[in-house]
């Protein structure tokens, strides 16, 4: 098992940043961020 490099941590942080900002700024942001994440990360056939 290898430890993640700095580049991998930065890539992960950039992927999560918009959802975290939405949660912090908007009322009910947790629900909105979760729905947005689900809609963008849904793979064909997973939620049919």
Protein backbone atom coordinates (compact mmCIF):
# COMPACT_ATOMS: atom_id res chain seq x y z
CA UNK A 1 0.00 0.00 0.00
CA UNK A 2 1.45 3.35 -1.02
CA UNK A 3 0.81 6.73 0.53
CA UNK A 4 -0.80 9.38 -1.66
CA UNK A 5 1.52 11.98 -3.11
CA UNK A 6 0.99 15.72 -2.79
CA UNK A 7 -0.32 15.88 -6.36
CA UNK A 8 -2.95 13.25 -5.56
CA UNK A 9 -4.06 15.17 -2.46
CA UNK A 10 -4.36 18.39 -4.47
CA UNK A 11 -6.36 16.62 -7.17
CA UNK A 12 -8.77 15.21 -4.57
CA UNK A 13 -9.13 18.58 -2.84
CA UNK A 14 -9.97 20.28 -6.13
CA UNK A 15 -12.60 17.67 -6.88
CA UNK A 16 -14.31 18.18 -3.50
CA UNK A 17 -13.97 21.97 -3.23
CA UNK A 18 -17.15 22.98 -5.13
CA UNK A 19 -19.30 20.67 -3.03
CA UNK A 20 -17.76 21.92 0.21
CA UNK A 21 -18.30 25.54 -0.82
CA UNK A 22 -21.94 24.80 -1.65
CA UNK A 23 -22.44 23.22 1.77
CA UNK A 24 -20.94 26.17 3.59
CA UNK A 25 -22.64 28.98 1.67
CA UNK A 26 -26.20 27.80 1.01
CA UNK A 27 -28.90 26.88 3.50
CA UNK A 28 -29.60 23.19 3.04
CA UNK A 29 -26.31 22.97 1.24
CA UNK A 30 -25.53 19.46 2.44
CA UNK A 31 -28.57 18.06 0.68
CA UNK A 32 -27.94 20.10 -2.46
CA UNK A 33 -24.26 19.12 -2.55
CA UNK A 34 -25.14 15.44 -2.12
CA UNK A 35 -27.73 15.57 -4.92
CA UNK A 36 -25.31 17.41 -7.22
CA UNK A 37 -22.55 14.91 -6.48
CA UNK A 38 -24.90 11.99 -7.16
CA UNK A 39 -26.08 13.49 -10.44
CA UNK A 40 -22.53 14.14 -11.66
CA UNK A 41 -21.05 10.85 -10.51
CA UNK A 42 -23.83 8.52 -11.54
CA UNK A 43 -22.71 5.78 -13.88
CA UNK A 44 -25.02 4.27 -16.46
CA UNK A 45 -26.95 1.38 -15.03
CA UNK A 46 -26.19 2.16 -11.37
CA UNK A 47 -29.42 3.92 -10.42
CA UNK A 48 -31.92 2.47 -12.88
